[in-house]
PDB file of all heavy atoms in Angstrom:
ATOM      1  N   ASP A   1     -74.174-230.829 132.955  1.00  0.00           N
ATOM      2  CA  ASP A   1     -73.352-229.903 133.737  1.00  0.00           C
ATOM      3  C   ASP A   1     -73.984-229.652 135.094  1.00  0.00           C
ATOM      4  O   ASP A   1     -75.215-229.494 135.204  1.00  0.00           O
ATOM      5  CB  ASP A   1     -73.184-228.571 133.003  1.00  0.00           C
ATOM      6  CG  ASP A   1     -72.243-228.680 131.815  1.00  0.00           C
ATOM      7  OD1 ASP A   1     -71.692-229.770 131.606  1.00  0.00           O
ATOM      8  OD2 ASP A   1     -72.078-227.673 131.100  1.00  0.00           O
ATOM      9  N   ASP A   2     -73.160-229.592 136.135  1.00  0.00           N
ATOM     10  CA  ASP A   2     -73.661-229.336 137.479  1.00  0.00           C
ATOM     11  C   ASP A   2     -74.188-227.910 137.584  1.00  0.00           C
ATOM     12  O   ASP A   2     -73.624-226.980 137.001  1.00  0.00           O
ATOM     13  CB  ASP A   2     -72.539-229.544 138.500  1.00  0.00           C
ATOM     14  CG  ASP A   2     -73.039-229.410 139.922  1.00  0.00           C
ATOM     15  OD1 ASP A   2     -73.564-230.386 140.462  1.00  0.00           O
ATOM     16  OD2 ASP A   2     -72.906-228.307 140.495  1.00  0.00           O
ATOM     17  N   GLN A   3     -75.276-227.741 138.335  1.00  0.00           N
ATOM     18  CA  GLN A   3     -75.898-226.430 138.429  1.00  0.00           C
ATOM     19  C   GLN A   3     -74.980-225.378 139.049  1.00  0.00           C
ATOM     20  O   GLN A   3     -75.078-224.192 138.725  1.00  0.00           O
ATOM     21  CB  GLN A   3     -77.210-226.520 139.211  1.00  0.00           C
ATOM     22  CG  GLN A   3     -77.072-226.947 140.649  1.00  0.00           C
ATOM     23  CD  GLN A   3     -78.414-226.993 141.364  1.00  0.00           C
ATOM     24  OE1 GLN A   3     -79.466-227.005 140.727  1.00  0.00           O
ATOM     25  NE2 GLN A   3     -78.394-226.993 142.681  1.00  0.00           N
ATOM     26  N   GLU A   4     -74.070-225.786 139.929  1.00  0.00           N
ATOM     27  CA  GLU A   4     -73.124-224.833 140.495  1.00  0.00           C
ATOM     28  C   GLU A   4     -72.179-224.304 139.425  1.00  0.00           C
ATOM     29  O   GLU A   4     -71.836-223.115 139.418  1.00  0.00           O
ATOM     30  CB  GLU A   4     -72.325-225.475 141.628  1.00  0.00           C
ATOM     31  CG  GLU A   4     -73.078-225.609 142.934  1.00  0.00           C
ATOM     32  CD  GLU A   4     -72.157-225.965 144.085  1.00  0.00           C
ATOM     33  OE1 GLU A   4     -71.488-225.067 144.616  1.00  0.00           O
ATOM     34  OE2 GLU A   4     -72.110-227.150 144.449  1.00  0.00           O
ATOM     35  N   GLU A   5     -71.747-225.182 138.511  1.00  0.00           N
ATOM     36  CA  GLU A   5     -70.889-224.748 137.415  1.00  0.00           C
ATOM     37  C   GLU A   5     -71.634-223.768 136.513  1.00  0.00           C
ATOM     38  O   GLU A   5     -71.063-222.777 136.037  1.00  0.00           O
ATOM     39  CB  GLU A   5     -70.430-225.962 136.599  1.00  0.00           C
ATOM     40  CG  GLU A   5     -69.609-226.979 137.372  1.00  0.00           C
ATOM     41  CD  GLU A   5     -68.246-226.433 137.765  1.00  0.00           C
ATOM     42  OE1 GLU A   5     -67.761-225.500 137.085  1.00  0.00           O
ATOM     43  OE2 GLU A   5     -67.670-226.924 138.751  1.00  0.00           O
ATOM     44  N   VAL A   6     -72.909-224.040 136.286  1.00  0.00           N
ATOM     45  CA  VAL A   6     -73.721-223.148 135.463  1.00  0.00           C
ATOM     46  C   VAL A   6     -73.865-221.790 136.138  1.00  0.00           C
ATOM     47  O   VAL A   6     -73.755-220.738 135.491  1.00  0.00           O
ATOM     48  CB  VAL A   6     -75.106-223.771 135.198  1.00  0.00           C
ATOM     49  CG1 VAL A   6     -75.974-222.816 134.387  1.00  0.00           C
ATOM     50  CG2 VAL A   6     -74.973-225.103 134.475  1.00  0.00           C
ATOM     51  N   ALA A   7     -74.100-221.792 137.444  1.00  0.00           N
ATOM     52  CA  ALA A   7     -74.235-220.532 138.180  1.00  0.00           C
ATOM     53  C   ALA A   7     -72.950-219.714 138.108  1.00  0.00           C
ATOM     54  O   ALA A   7     -72.988-218.482 137.963  1.00  0.00           O
ATOM     55  CB  ALA A   7     -74.606-220.813 139.639  1.00  0.00           C
ATOM     56  N   ARG A   8     -71.804-220.387 138.202  1.00  0.00           N
ATOM     57  CA  ARG A   8     -70.524-219.674 138.105  1.00  0.00           C
ATOM     58  C   ARG A   8     -70.336-219.070 136.714  1.00  0.00           C
ATOM     59  O   ARG A   8     -69.766-217.979 136.561  1.00  0.00           O
ATOM     60  CB  ARG A   8     -69.375-220.617 138.442  1.00  0.00           C
ATOM     61  CG  ARG A   8     -69.121-220.733 139.944  1.00  0.00           C
ATOM     62  CD  ARG A   8     -67.821-221.439 140.216  1.00  0.00           C
ATOM     63  NE  ARG A   8     -67.944-222.875 140.038  1.00  0.00           N
ATOM     64  CZ  ARG A   8     -68.292-223.718 141.004  1.00  0.00           C
ATOM     65  NH1 ARG A   8     -68.561-223.255 142.203  1.00  0.00           N
ATOM     66  NH2 ARG A   8     -68.385-225.007 140.777  1.00  0.00           N
ATOM     67  N   LEU A   9     -70.812-219.780 135.686  1.00  0.00           N
ATOM     68  CA  LEU A   9     -70.730-219.252 134.323  1.00  0.00           C
ATOM     69  C   LEU A   9     -71.539-217.959 134.192  1.00  0.00           C
ATOM     70  O   LEU A   9     -71.066-216.971 133.608  1.00  0.00           O
ATOM     71  CB  LEU A   9     -71.247-220.303 133.338  1.00  0.00           C
ATOM     72  CG  LEU A   9     -71.165-219.940 131.855  1.00  0.00           C
ATOM     73  CD1 LEU A   9     -69.715-219.992 131.378  1.00  0.00           C
ATOM     74  CD2 LEU A   9     -72.021-220.893 131.027  1.00  0.00           C
ATOM     75  N   PHE A  10     -72.738-217.963 134.745  1.00  0.00           N
ATOM     76  CA  PHE A  10     -73.580-216.767 134.714  1.00  0.00           C
ATOM     77  C   PHE A  10     -72.917-215.622 135.474  1.00  0.00           C
ATOM     78  O   PHE A  10     -72.930-214.473 135.021  1.00  0.00           O
ATOM     79  CB  PHE A  10     -74.949-217.072 135.323  1.00  0.00           C
ATOM     80  CG  PHE A  10     -75.959-217.565 134.340  1.00  0.00           C
ATOM     81  CD1 PHE A  10     -75.837-218.830 133.765  1.00  0.00           C
ATOM     82  CD2 PHE A  10     -77.042-216.792 133.986  1.00  0.00           C
ATOM     83  CE1 PHE A  10     -76.769-219.294 132.855  1.00  0.00           C
ATOM     84  CE2 PHE A  10     -77.982-217.240 133.071  1.00  0.00           C
ATOM     85  CZ  PHE A  10     -77.845-218.502 132.502  1.00  0.00           C
ATOM     86  N   GLU A  11     -72.351-215.929 136.621  1.00  0.00           N
ATOM     87  CA  GLU A  11     -71.724-214.892 137.433  1.00  0.00           C
ATOM     88  C   GLU A  11     -70.491-214.322 136.736  1.00  0.00           C
ATOM     89  O   GLU A  11     -70.270-213.106 136.731  1.00  0.00           O
ATOM     90  CB  GLU A  11     -71.330-215.468 138.789  1.00  0.00           C
ATOM     91  CG  GLU A  11     -70.659-214.445 139.704  1.00  0.00           C
ATOM     92  CD  GLU A  11     -70.095-215.089 140.955  1.00  0.00           C
ATOM     93  OE1 GLU A  11     -69.709-216.269 140.897  1.00  0.00           O
ATOM     94  OE2 GLU A  11     -70.018-214.408 141.972  1.00  0.00           O
ATOM     95  N   ARG A  12     -69.690-215.188 136.149  1.00  0.00           N
ATOM     96  CA  ARG A  12     -68.428-214.759 135.542  1.00  0.00           C
ATOM     97  C   ARG A  12     -68.665-213.859 134.324  1.00  0.00           C
ATOM     98  O   ARG A  12     -67.952-212.874 134.120  1.00  0.00           O
ATOM     99  CB  ARG A  12     -67.617-215.983 135.151  1.00  0.00           C
ATOM    100  CG  ARG A  12     -66.219-215.666 134.636  1.00  0.00           C
ATOM    101  CD  ARG A  12     -65.447-216.937 134.335  1.00  0.00           C
ATOM    102  NE  ARG A  12     -65.330-217.784 135.522  1.00  0.00           N
ATOM    103  CZ  ARG A  12     -65.782-219.025 135.603  1.00  0.00           C
ATOM    104  NH1 ARG A  12     -66.410-219.571 134.584  1.00  0.00           N
ATOM    105  NH2 ARG A  12     -65.631-219.738 136.709  1.00  0.00           N
ATOM    106  N   TYR A  13     -69.677-214.191 133.526  1.00  0.00           N
ATOM    107  CA  TYR A  13     -69.884-213.473 132.270  1.00  0.00           C
ATOM    108  C   TYR A  13     -71.153-212.621 132.265  1.00  0.00           C
ATOM    109  O   TYR A  13     -71.539-212.112 131.202  1.00  0.00           O
ATOM    110  CB  TYR A  13     -69.926-214.473 131.101  1.00  0.00           C
ATOM    111  CG  TYR A  13     -68.631-215.236 130.959  1.00  0.00           C
ATOM    112  CD1 TYR A  13     -68.560-216.585 131.282  1.00  0.00           C
ATOM    113  CD2 TYR A  13     -67.471-214.593 130.519  1.00  0.00           C
ATOM    114  CE1 TYR A  13     -67.367-217.292 131.158  1.00  0.00           C
ATOM    115  CE2 TYR A  13     -66.277-215.295 130.400  1.00  0.00           C
ATOM    116  CZ  TYR A  13     -66.231-216.638 130.721  1.00  0.00           C
ATOM    117  OH  TYR A  13     -65.045-217.323 130.610  1.00  0.00           O
ATOM    118  N   ASN A  14     -71.790-212.456 133.418  1.00  0.00           N
ATOM    119  CA  ASN A  14     -72.986-211.598 133.531  1.00  0.00           C
ATOM    120  C   ASN A  14     -74.050-211.981 132.501  1.00  0.00           C
ATOM    121  O   ASN A  14     -74.594-211.130 131.796  1.00  0.00           O
ATOM    122  CB  ASN A  14     -72.611-210.121 133.368  1.00  0.00           C
ATOM    123  CG  ASN A  14     -71.692-209.636 134.463  1.00  0.00           C
ATOM    124  OD1 ASN A  14     -71.867-209.992 135.629  1.00  0.00           O
ATOM    125  ND2 ASN A  14     -70.716-208.819 134.115  1.00  0.00           N
ATOM    126  N   LEU A  15     -74.355-213.275 132.422  1.00  0.00           N
ATOM    127  CA  LEU A  15     -75.317-213.764 131.451  1.00  0.00           C
ATOM    128  C   LEU A  15     -76.751-213.525 131.918  1.00  0.00           C
ATOM    129  O   LEU A  15     -77.035-213.512 133.115  1.00  0.00           O
ATOM    130  CB  LEU A  15     -75.106-215.260 131.202  1.00  0.00           C
ATOM    131  CG  LEU A  15     -73.721-215.691 130.714  1.00  0.00           C
ATOM    132  CD1 LEU A  15     -73.695-217.199 130.485  1.00  0.00           C
ATOM    133  CD2 LEU A  15     -73.322-214.950 129.447  1.00  0.00           C
ATOM    134  N   VAL A  16     -77.631-213.355 130.964  1.00  0.00           N
ATOM    135  CA  VAL A  16     -79.066-213.269 131.240  1.00  0.00           C
ATOM    136  C   VAL A  16     -79.712-214.627 131.010  1.00  0.00           C
ATOM    137  O   VAL A  16     -80.617-215.030 131.724  1.00  0.00           O
ATOM    138  CB  VAL A  16     -79.727-212.203 130.354  1.00  0.00           C
ATOM    139  CG1 VAL A  16     -81.234-212.180 130.572  1.00  0.00           C
ATOM    140  CG2 VAL A  16     -79.138-210.826 130.635  1.00  0.00           C
ATOM    141  N   SER A  17     -79.224-215.335 130.012  1.00  0.00           N
ATOM    142  CA  SER A  17     -79.692-216.694 129.735  1.00  0.00           C
ATOM    143  C   SER A  17     -78.585-217.433 128.999  1.00  0.00           C
ATOM    144  O   SER A  17     -77.641-216.823 128.476  1.00  0.00           O
ATOM    145  CB  SER A  17     -80.981-216.676 128.889  1.00  0.00           C
ATOM    146  OG  SER A  17     -80.764-215.987 127.662  1.00  0.00           O
ATOM    147  N   ALA A  18     -78.695-218.753 128.971  1.00  0.00           N
ATOM    148  CA  ALA A  18     -77.688-219.565 128.299  1.00  0.00           C
ATOM    149  C   ALA A  18     -78.359-220.793 127.694  1.00  0.00           C
ATOM    150  O   ALA A  18     -79.229-221.404 128.326  1.00  0.00           O
ATOM    151  CB  ALA A  18     -76.594-219.991 129.279  1.00  0.00           C
ATOM    152  N   PRO A  19     -77.966-221.170 126.481  1.00  0.00           N
ATOM    153  CA  PRO A  19     -78.560-222.353 125.855  1.00  0.00           C
ATOM    154  C   PRO A  19     -78.015-223.645 126.471  1.00  0.00           C
ATOM    155  O   PRO A  19     -76.868-223.694 126.912  1.00  0.00           O
ATOM    156  CB  PRO A  19     -78.126-222.220 124.392  1.00  0.00           C
ATOM    157  CG  PRO A  19     -76.832-221.477 124.458  1.00  0.00           C
ATOM    158  CD  PRO A  19     -76.975-220.511 125.622  1.00  0.00           C
ATOM    159  N   VAL A  20     -78.849-224.657 126.484  1.00  0.00           N
ATOM    160  CA  VAL A  20     -78.450-225.984 126.954  1.00  0.00           C
ATOM    161  C   VAL A  20     -78.349-226.889 125.734  1.00  0.00           C
ATOM    162  O   VAL A  20     -79.308-227.000 124.956  1.00  0.00           O
ATOM    163  CB  VAL A  20     -79.454-226.554 127.964  1.00  0.00           C
ATOM    164  CG1 VAL A  20     -78.986-227.912 128.462  1.00  0.00           C
ATOM    165  CG2 VAL A  20     -79.636-225.593 129.133  1.00  0.00           C
ATOM    166  N   LEU A  21     -77.190-227.537 125.564  1.00  0.00           N
ATOM    167  CA  LEU A  21     -76.932-228.349 124.378  1.00  0.00           C
ATOM    168  C   LEU A  21     -76.828-229.818 124.751  1.00  0.00           C
ATOM    169  O   LEU A  21     -76.330-230.158 125.822  1.00  0.00           O
ATOM    170  CB  LEU A  21     -75.628-227.913 123.697  1.00  0.00           C
ATOM    171  CG  LEU A  21     -75.458-226.405 123.435  1.00  0.00           C
ATOM    172  CD1 LEU A  21     -74.147-226.159 122.697  1.00  0.00           C
ATOM    173  CD2 LEU A  21     -76.633-225.840 122.655  1.00  0.00           C
ATOM    174  N   ASP A  22     -77.282-230.689 123.856  1.00  0.00           N
ATOM    175  CA  ASP A  22     -77.149-232.124 124.087  1.00  0.00           C
ATOM    176  C   ASP A  22     -75.782-232.618 123.602  1.00  0.00           C
ATOM    177  O   ASP A  22     -74.921-231.821 123.205  1.00  0.00           O
ATOM    178  CB  ASP A  22     -78.299-232.893 123.432  1.00  0.00           C
ATOM    179  CG  ASP A  22     -78.291-232.795 121.910  1.00  0.00           C
ATOM    180  OD1 ASP A  22     -77.280-232.330 121.330  1.00  0.00           O
ATOM    181  OD2 ASP A  22     -79.294-233.189 121.280  1.00  0.00           O
ATOM    182  N   ASP A  23     -75.578-233.913 123.606  1.00  0.00           N
ATOM    183  CA  ASP A  23     -74.276-234.470 123.233  1.00  0.00           C
ATOM    184  C   ASP A  23     -73.911-234.191 121.786  1.00  0.00           C
ATOM    185  O   ASP A  23     -72.726-234.232 121.408  1.00  0.00           O
ATOM    186  CB  ASP A  23     -74.259-235.982 123.482  1.00  0.00           C
ATOM    187  CG  ASP A  23     -74.347-236.322 124.967  1.00  0.00           C
ATOM    188  OD1 ASP A  23     -74.006-235.443 125.782  1.00  0.00           O
ATOM    189  OD2 ASP A  23     -74.761-237.444 125.293  1.00  0.00           O
ATOM    190  N   ASN A  24     -74.902-233.924 120.948  1.00  0.00           N
ATOM    191  CA  ASN A  24     -74.659-233.625 119.542  1.00  0.00           C
ATOM    192  C   ASN A  24     -74.625-232.126 119.259  1.00  0.00           C
ATOM    193  O   ASN A  24     -74.731-231.708 118.089  1.00  0.00           O
ATOM    194  CB  ASN A  24     -75.733-234.290 118.670  1.00  0.00           C
ATOM    195  CG  ASN A  24     -75.693-235.796 118.760  1.00  0.00           C
ATOM    196  OD1 ASN A  24     -74.626-236.399 118.691  1.00  0.00           O
ATOM    197  ND2 ASN A  24     -76.861-236.419 118.943  1.00  0.00           N
ATOM    198  N   GLU A  25     -74.504-231.338 120.340  1.00  0.00           N
ATOM    199  CA  GLU A  25     -74.415-229.874 120.227  1.00  0.00           C
ATOM    200  C   GLU A  25     -75.708-229.243 119.715  1.00  0.00           C
ATOM    201  O   GLU A  25     -75.700-228.112 119.220  1.00  0.00           O
ATOM    202  CB  GLU A  25     -73.252-229.457 119.328  1.00  0.00           C
ATOM    203  CG  GLU A  25     -71.889-229.928 119.816  1.00  0.00           C
ATOM    204  CD  GLU A  25     -71.517-229.316 121.174  1.00  0.00           C
ATOM    205  OE1 GLU A  25     -71.741-228.110 121.357  1.00  0.00           O
ATOM    206  OE2 GLU A  25     -71.018-230.060 122.038  1.00  0.00           O
ATOM    207  N   ARG A  26     -76.812-229.963 119.804  1.00  0.00           N
ATOM    208  CA  ARG A  26     -78.101-229.391 119.435  1.00  0.00           C
ATOM    209  C   ARG A  26     -78.717-228.697 120.647  1.00  0.00           C
ATOM    210  O   ARG A  26     -78.633-229.191 121.767  1.00  0.00           O
ATOM    211  CB  ARG A  26     -79.060-230.469 118.921  1.00  0.00           C
ATOM    212  CG  ARG A  26     -78.687-231.032 117.569  1.00  0.00           C
ATOM    213  CD  ARG A  26     -79.830-231.869 117.001  1.00  0.00           C
ATOM    214  NE  ARG A  26     -80.130-232.990 117.880  1.00  0.00           N
ATOM    215  CZ  ARG A  26     -79.666-234.220 117.701  1.00  0.00           C
ATOM    216  NH1 ARG A  26     -78.868-234.491 116.680  1.00  0.00           N
ATOM    217  NH2 ARG A  26     -79.984-235.189 118.531  1.00  0.00           N
ATOM    218  N   MET A  27     -79.384-227.590 120.392  1.00  0.00           N
ATOM    219  CA  MET A  27     -79.994-226.822 121.479  1.00  0.00           C
ATOM    220  C   MET A  27     -81.308-227.477 121.887  1.00  0.00           C
ATOM    221  O   MET A  27     -82.191-227.709 121.059  1.00  0.00           O
ATOM    222  CB  MET A  27     -80.230-225.378 121.044  1.00  0.00           C
ATOM    223  CG  MET A  27     -80.725-224.497 122.167  1.00  0.00           C
ATOM    224  SD  MET A  27     -80.761-222.762 121.692  1.00  0.00           S
ATOM    225  CE  MET A  27     -81.537-222.080 123.169  1.00  0.00           C
ATOM    226  N   VAL A  28     -81.438-227.787 123.183  1.00  0.00           N
ATOM    227  CA  VAL A  28     -82.632-228.485 123.664  1.00  0.00           C
ATOM    228  C   VAL A  28     -83.353-227.711 124.767  1.00  0.00           C
ATOM    229  O   VAL A  28     -84.439-228.105 125.198  1.00  0.00           O
ATOM    230  CB  VAL A  28     -82.272-229.894 124.190  1.00  0.00           C
ATOM    231  CG1 VAL A  28     -81.823-230.786 123.044  1.00  0.00           C
ATOM    232  CG2 VAL A  28     -81.191-229.813 125.267  1.00  0.00           C
ATOM    233  N   GLY A  29     -82.762-226.627 125.241  1.00  0.00           N
ATOM    234  CA  GLY A  29     -83.405-225.869 126.317  1.00  0.00           C
ATOM    235  C   GLY A  29     -82.617-224.614 126.630  1.00  0.00           C
ATOM    236  O   GLY A  29     -81.615-224.302 125.971  1.00  0.00           O
TER     237      GLY A  29
END
């Protein structure tokens, strides 16, 4: 995912952190 899209996600939902998932939906970061 592009970092700008991630930033918009944080802004839209007031997130503090968000998990990063791989193609198999496993959390990697």
